[in-house]
Amino acid sequence: MNLIIGVVVIGIIIAGIAFFMASKSDSKNTTQEELQSTAQRELQSTAQRELQSTAKRESQSRTQEELQSTAKRESQSRTQGESQGTTQKETQRELQSAAKKELQNISTKEESYADIQAVKRKEKLYHYMTQELQNLFCVYNKEEWSQLKKLGEISQELYKEKNDIIEGLSTVTGRMVKEYFTCVDFREEEGKLVGYVNDIEKLKQVFLQFMMPFYPYYYKELSEGGLRYTALLHPNTLRLFQQLTGKKFRPGYRNRYTTGVRAFEWDKDRYKVYGKDGRLLCDAVFDSDGIKEGYGQKKYLDKQHPDWNIVEEGTWKEGVFQSGILRYEYKKSVQ
């Protein structure tokens, strides 16, 4: 009985140990499986996270590349657009500049042509005036003024344009030329315009404005000495010629007699005039009525004795003869 009980107890013990060992083995297996499962899940999770991270990085990288590419294309597009715009603007500016230069060239050519034509018109008036003054100078020196009726010819073109030319002159020179033309009437003869005197006395006064102020008082001595009219032209006349030609004319040019003696010299408005032998004829200041102050002579017609000229030679003050010699010259008309 005890043996049976002992066997049972031993069996129970062995069964318990077996159960314990089996239980322990199952527990170990379960734990291992769980560990393996956990490790697998962690590996999967890690792998998934890595894949997601990699995918995210690749996505970000692609996005960044796309953004950079897009920015680059946009930049290139803007640069190209700006370049094209700049090129178009430069081309437009070049075309506008070329057109402007062309217009300026045309304008310059037109102005140059107009200037050339204006110069030619002025030169025509210059040649006309010099010819007329030379003829009047000869008439005055020959004392044939009272017989003067017919003057020179003027071209149709110059006749039409003379007023415009006169308007372009200075006040003094323009007035001189204008007054001259008021003394002349032009008539058409055989297709030409010929000048005729309409006021002989006024023409004389106008003519003398073109000459040196002492000329009407010493014209005989000056002409006998062989002096040319160009040497006796008033400075205002030379200014007129300069305005018409653009050239400079020197007062008193070649004012020597054929004997080599200087005909005259001046200081401002005071003139010294000499004869061809060097004798002093005057040293005086002149005005429109003759000698104003200084030494000289004045010749005028004796109204009571028309065949005689009265000559006053001596000193003058404020236009009045003060002292000197009074003499008569027979049959020498005053011009």
Protein backbone atom coordinates (compact mmCIF):
# COMPACT_ATOMS: atom_id res chain seq x y z
CA MET A 1 0.00 0.00 0.00
CA ASN A 2 2.72 2.30 0.91
CA LEU A 3 4.51 1.13 -2.16
CA ILE A 4 1.52 2.01 -4.27
CA ILE A 5 1.19 5.34 -2.62
CA GLY A 6 4.87 5.95 -3.20
CA VAL A 7 4.57 5.01 -6.82
CA VAL A 8 1.59 7.30 -7.23
CA VAL A 9 3.39 10.14 -5.56
CA ILE A 10 6.43 9.59 -7.71
CA GLY A 11 4.16 9.45 -10.76
CA ILE A 12 2.52 12.62 -9.72
CA ILE A 13 5.85 14.26 -9.17
CA ILE A 14 7.11 13.07 -12.53
CA ALA A 15 3.91 14.26 -14.20
CA GLY A 16 4.23 17.64 -12.51
CA ILE A 17 7.81 17.92 -13.58
CA ALA A 18 6.84 16.95 -17.11
CA PHE A 19 4.01 19.46 -17.08
CA PHE A 20 6.27 22.10 -15.74
CA MET A 21 8.90 21.37 -18.29
CA ALA A 22 6.31 21.28 -21.03
CA SER A 23 4.83 24.44 -19.79
CA LYS A 24 8.26 26.00 -19.62
CA SER A 25 9.04 24.82 -23.11
CA ASP A 26 5.79 26.26 -24.43
CA SER A 27 6.51 29.45 -22.61
CA LYS A 28 9.94 29.62 -24.17
CA ASN A 29 8.52 28.90 -27.57
CA THR A 30 5.84 31.53 -27.10
CA THR A 31 8.37 34.10 -25.92
CA GLN A 32 10.68 33.37 -28.82
CA GLU A 33 7.83 33.64 -31.25
CA GLU A 34 6.78 36.86 -29.69
CA LEU A 35 10.32 38.16 -29.82
CA GLN A 36 10.63 37.11 -33.40
CA SER A 37 7.30 38.66 -34.21
CA THR A 38 8.24 41.84 -32.41
CA ALA A 39 11.61 41.97 -34.12
CA GLN A 40 9.96 41.37 -37.46
CA ARG A 41 7.44 44.09 -36.81
CA GLU A 42 10.18 46.46 -35.76
CA LEU A 43 12.19 45.56 -38.79
CA GLN A 44 9.19 46.08 -40.99
CA SER A 45 8.41 49.34 -39.22
CA THR A 46 12.00 50.50 -39.54
CA ALA A 47 12.13 49.44 -43.14
CA GLN A 48 8.84 51.16 -43.77
CA ARG A 49 10.07 54.31 -42.06
CA GLU A 50 13.27 54.19 -44.03
CA LEU A 51 11.33 53.66 -47.22
CA GLN A 52 9.00 56.48 -46.33
CA SER A 53 11.95 58.70 -45.39
CA THR A 54 13.75 57.76 -48.59
CA ALA A 55 10.60 58.33 -50.58
CA LYS A 56 10.09 61.64 -48.80
CA ARG A 57 13.67 62.70 -49.44
CA GLU A 58 13.40 61.60 -53.06
CA SER A 59 10.11 63.43 -53.33
CA GLN A 60 11.62 66.51 -51.75
CA SER A 61 14.67 66.18 -53.96
CA ARG A 62 12.49 65.83 -57.04
CA THR A 63 10.34 68.71 -55.90
CA GLN A 64 13.43 70.84 -55.30
CA GLU A 65 14.86 69.85 -58.66
CA GLU A 66 11.56 70.62 -60.31
CA LEU A 67 11.38 73.95 -58.53
CA GLN A 68 14.97 74.74 -59.52
CA SER A 69 14.27 73.62 -63.06
CA THR A 70 11.10 75.69 -63.18
CA ALA A 71 12.90 78.68 -61.70
CA LYS A 72 15.72 78.21 -64.20
CA ARG A 73 13.30 77.99 -67.11
CA GLU A 74 11.43 81.05 -65.86
CA SER A 75 14.71 82.90 -65.38
CA GLN A 76 15.87 81.90 -68.83
CA SER A 77 12.49 82.89 -70.21
CA ARG A 78 12.62 86.26 -68.45
CA THR A 79 16.23 86.76 -69.51
CA GLN A 80 15.33 85.85 -73.06
CA GLY A 81 12.27 88.09 -72.91
CA GLU A 82 14.30 90.91 -71.45
CA SER A 83 17.00 90.31 -74.04
CA GLN A 84 14.44 90.32 -76.81
CA GLY A 85 12.78 93.39 -75.29
CA THR A 86 16.14 95.13 -74.97
CA THR A 87 17.03 94.16 -78.53
CA GLN A 88 13.69 95.43 -79.78
CA LYS A 89 14.08 98.69 -77.85
CA GLU A 90 17.64 99.12 -79.12
CA THR A 91 16.49 98.40 -82.66
CA GLN A 92 13.63 100.86 -82.25
CA ARG A 93 15.99 103.50 -80.85
CA GLU A 94 18.42 102.90 -83.72
CA LEU A 95 15.62 103.26 -86.25
CA GLN A 96 14.37 106.42 -84.55
CA SER A 97 17.92 107.80 -84.38
CA ALA A 98 18.51 107.00 -88.05
CA ALA A 99 15.21 108.62 -89.01
CA LYS A 100 16.06 111.67 -86.92
CA LYS A 101 19.50 111.95 -88.50
CA GLU A 102 17.97 111.61 -91.94
CA LEU A 103 15.50 114.40 -91.18
CA GLN A 104 18.34 116.51 -89.80
CA ASN A 105 20.38 115.85 -92.93
CA ILE A 106 17.46 116.80 -95.12
CA SER A 107 16.84 119.90 -93.02
CA THR A 108 20.54 120.77 -93.12
CA LYS A 109 20.64 120.31 -96.88
CA GLU A 110 17.57 122.47 -97.29
CA GLU A 111 19.03 125.11 -94.98
CA SER A 112 22.37 124.93 -96.78
CA TYR A 113 20.65 125.31 -100.13
CA ALA A 114 18.59 128.22 -98.78
CA ASP A 115 21.73 129.81 -97.31
CA ILE A 116 23.57 129.43 -100.61
CA GLN A 117 20.70 131.05 -102.48
CA ALA A 118 20.54 133.88 -99.93
CA VAL A 119 24.29 134.48 -100.30
CA LYS A 120 23.96 134.57 -104.08
CA ARG A 121 21.13 137.11 -103.87
CA LYS A 122 23.18 139.31 -101.55
CA GLU A 123 26.19 139.09 -103.84
CA LYS A 124 24.03 140.22 -106.75
CA LEU A 125 22.99 143.30 -104.78
CA TYR A 126 26.64 143.92 -103.88
CA HIS A 127 27.72 143.85 -107.54
CA TYR A 128 24.83 146.10 -108.49
CA MET A 129 25.62 148.68 -105.79
CA THR A 130 29.36 148.75 -106.50
CA GLN A 131 28.71 149.32 -110.20
CA GLU A 132 26.22 152.11 -109.52
CA LEU A 133 28.47 153.85 -106.97
CA GLN A 134 31.40 153.72 -109.36
CA ASN A 135 29.32 155.30 -112.13
CA LEU A 136 28.00 158.00 -109.79
CA PHE A 137 31.57 158.68 -108.59
CA CYS A 138 32.70 159.32 -112.17
CA VAL A 139 29.73 161.59 -112.86
CA TYR A 140 30.33 163.61 -109.69
CA ASN A 141 34.05 164.01 -110.36
CA LYS A 142 33.34 165.23 -113.92
CA GLU A 143 30.84 167.75 -112.54
CA GLU A 144 28.09 166.31 -114.75
CA TRP A 145 25.63 165.59 -111.98
CA SER A 146 22.96 167.93 -113.29
CA GLN A 147 22.92 165.95 -116.54
CA LEU A 148 22.40 162.61 -114.86
CA LYS A 149 19.16 160.92 -115.89
CA LYS A 150 19.76 157.28 -116.66
CA LEU A 151 21.31 154.73 -114.35
CA GLY A 152 22.27 151.07 -114.68
CA GLU A 153 20.25 147.91 -115.23
CA ILE A 154 18.94 145.54 -112.59
CA SER A 155 17.91 141.92 -113.09
CA GLN A 156 14.27 140.92 -112.72
CA GLU A 157 15.21 138.50 -109.94
CA LEU A 158 17.16 141.07 -107.93
CA TYR A 159 14.44 143.67 -108.38
CA LYS A 160 11.89 141.29 -106.82
CA GLU A 161 14.16 140.22 -103.99
CA LYS A 162 15.84 143.52 -103.08
CA ASN A 163 13.33 144.42 -100.37
CA ASP A 164 13.80 141.07 -98.62
CA ILE A 165 17.56 141.52 -98.77
CA ILE A 166 17.32 145.04 -97.34
CA GLU A 167 15.21 143.74 -94.44
CA GLY A 168 18.07 141.43 -93.50
CA LEU A 169 20.63 144.25 -93.27
CA SER A 170 21.46 146.35 -90.22
CA THR A 171 19.49 149.51 -89.51
CA VAL A 172 22.09 151.92 -90.90
CA THR A 173 23.14 149.99 -94.00
CA GLY A 174 19.56 148.96 -94.75
CA ARG A 175 18.45 152.60 -94.61
CA MET A 176 21.25 153.63 -97.00
CA VAL A 177 20.22 151.10 -99.64
CA LYS A 178 16.52 151.77 -99.18
CA GLU A 179 17.01 155.51 -99.64
CA TYR A 180 18.98 154.88 -102.79
CA PHE A 181 16.16 152.87 -104.37
CA THR A 182 13.62 155.58 -103.48
CA CYS A 183 15.52 157.89 -105.87
CA VAL A 184 15.30 155.46 -108.78
CA ASP A 185 12.45 154.38 -111.04
CA PHE A 186 12.88 151.20 -113.05
CA ARG A 187 11.43 150.85 -116.53
CA GLU A 188 11.35 147.80 -118.69
CA GLU A 189 13.23 148.25 -121.96
CA GLU A 190 13.81 145.35 -124.34
CA GLY A 191 13.21 142.84 -121.57
CA LYS A 192 15.53 144.62 -119.15
CA LEU A 193 14.85 146.85 -116.15
CA VAL A 194 16.67 150.17 -116.51
CA GLY A 195 16.97 152.71 -113.70
CA TYR A 196 16.02 156.38 -114.12
CA VAL A 197 16.59 159.21 -111.65
CA ASN A 198 13.36 160.55 -110.14
CA ASP A 199 14.99 163.08 -107.75
CA ILE A 200 18.42 164.35 -108.76
CA GLU A 201 19.15 166.36 -105.61
CA LYS A 202 18.03 163.65 -103.24
CA LEU A 203 20.11 161.13 -105.16
CA LYS A 204 23.17 163.36 -104.66
CA GLN A 205 22.61 163.47 -100.91
CA VAL A 206 22.13 159.71 -100.79
CA PHE A 207 25.23 159.11 -102.90
CA LEU A 208 27.40 161.26 -100.64
CA GLN A 209 26.34 159.13 -97.64
CA PHE A 210 28.26 156.28 -99.24
CA MET A 211 31.45 158.40 -99.48
CA MET A 212 33.91 159.79 -96.94
CA PRO A 213 32.56 163.01 -95.33
CA PHE A 214 35.38 165.18 -96.79
CA TYR A 215 34.88 163.88 -100.34
CA PRO A 216 32.41 166.55 -101.63
CA TYR A 217 34.80 169.34 -100.57
CA TYR A 218 38.00 167.89 -102.02
CA TYR A 219 36.76 165.64 -104.81
CA LYS A 220 38.59 167.63 -107.48
CA GLU A 221 42.01 167.35 -105.80
CA LEU A 222 41.37 163.70 -104.98
CA SER A 223 40.29 162.76 -108.51
CA GLU A 224 43.16 164.69 -110.11
CA GLY A 225 45.57 162.71 -107.98
CA GLY A 226 44.20 159.47 -109.46
CA LEU A 227 42.53 158.19 -106.30
CA ARG A 228 40.09 155.33 -106.83
CA TYR A 229 36.54 155.45 -105.51
CA THR A 230 37.13 152.33 -103.38
CA ALA A 231 39.57 154.33 -101.23
CA LEU A 232 36.91 156.98 -100.53
CA LEU A 233 34.04 154.75 -99.45
CA HIS A 234 32.55 155.51 -96.05
CA PRO A 235 33.05 152.87 -93.29
CA ASN A 236 29.27 152.32 -93.29
CA THR A 237 29.47 151.44 -96.99
CA LEU A 238 32.19 148.91 -96.27
CA ARG A 239 29.99 147.44 -93.53
CA LEU A 240 27.22 147.12 -96.10
CA PHE A 241 29.57 145.27 -98.47
CA GLN A 242 30.66 142.97 -95.66
CA GLN A 243 27.04 142.14 -94.84
CA LEU A 244 26.37 141.35 -98.50
CA THR A 245 29.48 139.24 -99.14
CA GLY A 246 30.74 138.07 -95.76
CA LYS A 247 34.15 139.55 -96.59
CA LYS A 248 35.97 142.26 -94.67
CA PHE A 249 36.83 145.57 -96.35
CA ARG A 250 39.48 147.87 -94.93
CA PRO A 251 38.69 151.62 -94.86
CA GLY A 252 41.07 153.77 -96.85
CA TYR A 253 42.36 150.84 -98.89
CA ARG A 254 45.01 152.09 -101.37
CA ASN A 255 44.41 155.72 -100.48
CA ARG A 256 47.58 156.98 -102.14
CA TYR A 257 47.95 159.24 -105.15
CA THR A 258 49.90 158.19 -108.18
CA THR A 259 52.71 160.38 -106.73
CA GLY A 260 52.91 158.04 -103.72
CA VAL A 261 51.56 160.62 -101.25
CA ARG A 262 48.94 159.40 -98.79
CA ALA A 263 45.64 161.08 -99.66
CA PHE A 264 44.14 161.11 -96.17
CA GLU A 265 44.31 159.74 -92.66
CA TRP A 266 41.93 159.86 -89.73
CA ASP A 267 41.54 159.46 -86.01
CA LYS A 268 37.97 158.58 -85.05
CA ASP A 269 35.86 161.36 -86.66
CA ARG A 270 38.74 163.77 -87.40
CA TYR A 271 40.25 163.69 -90.90
CA LYS A 272 43.43 165.03 -92.45
CA VAL A 273 43.35 165.36 -96.22
CA TYR A 274 46.37 166.07 -98.41
CA GLY A 275 46.91 167.15 -102.00
CA LYS A 276 48.96 165.06 -104.41
CA ASP A 277 51.95 167.28 -103.57
CA GLY A 278 51.58 166.58 -99.84
CA ARG A 279 50.01 169.94 -98.95
CA LEU A 280 47.54 169.78 -96.08
CA LEU A 281 44.03 170.55 -97.31
CA CYS A 282 42.16 170.05 -94.06
CA ASP A 283 42.41 168.83 -90.50
CA ALA A 284 38.85 168.88 -89.30
CA VAL A 285 35.75 167.16 -87.97
CA PHE A 286 32.87 166.94 -90.47
CA ASP A 287 29.10 166.65 -90.17
CA SER A 288 26.27 166.58 -92.71
CA ASP A 289 26.66 170.34 -93.32
CA GLY A 290 30.41 170.26 -93.87
CA ILE A 291 33.24 171.24 -91.57
CA LYS A 292 32.17 171.37 -87.96
CA GLU A 293 35.47 172.13 -86.30
CA GLY A 294 39.12 172.54 -87.33
CA TYR A 295 41.00 173.75 -90.37
CA GLY A 296 39.72 173.36 -93.92
CA GLN A 297 37.75 174.87 -96.73
CA LYS A 298 34.16 175.01 -97.83
CA LYS A 299 32.90 175.79 -101.28
CA TYR A 300 29.38 176.88 -102.14
CA LEU A 301 27.50 178.77 -104.85
CA ASP A 302 27.08 182.51 -104.60
CA LYS A 303 23.33 182.89 -105.14
CA GLN A 304 23.71 186.54 -106.14
CA HIS A 305 26.39 185.66 -108.70
CA PRO A 306 25.58 182.23 -110.17
CA ASP A 307 28.77 182.17 -112.23
CA TRP A 308 30.93 182.26 -109.11
CA ASN A 309 31.69 179.91 -106.26
CA ILE A 310 32.56 181.23 -102.83
CA VAL A 311 35.44 179.43 -101.08
CA GLU A 312 36.05 179.84 -97.38
CA GLU A 313 39.39 178.49 -96.19
CA GLY A 314 40.54 178.74 -92.60
CA THR A 315 39.40 177.84 -89.12
CA TRP A 316 35.93 176.59 -88.20
CA LYS A 317 34.21 176.22 -84.86
CA GLU A 318 30.78 174.71 -84.24
CA GLY A 319 30.13 174.83 -87.98
CA VAL A 320 30.86 178.53 -88.28
CA PHE A 321 33.77 180.00 -90.26
CA GLN A 322 35.96 181.90 -87.78
CA SER A 323 38.98 183.22 -89.65
CA GLY A 324 40.99 182.65 -92.79
CA ILE A 325 40.72 183.42 -96.50
CA LEU A 326 37.58 184.16 -98.47
CA ARG A 327 37.91 183.91 -102.23
CA TYR A 328 35.83 183.44 -105.38
CA GLU A 329 36.22 180.84 -108.09
CA TYR A 330 34.74 181.66 -111.47
CA LYS A 331 32.47 179.22 -113.34
CA LYS A 332 33.07 176.19 -111.20
CA SER A 333 29.74 174.67 -110.40
CA VAL A 334 29.32 172.95 -107.05
CA GLN A 335 28.25 169.31 -107.22
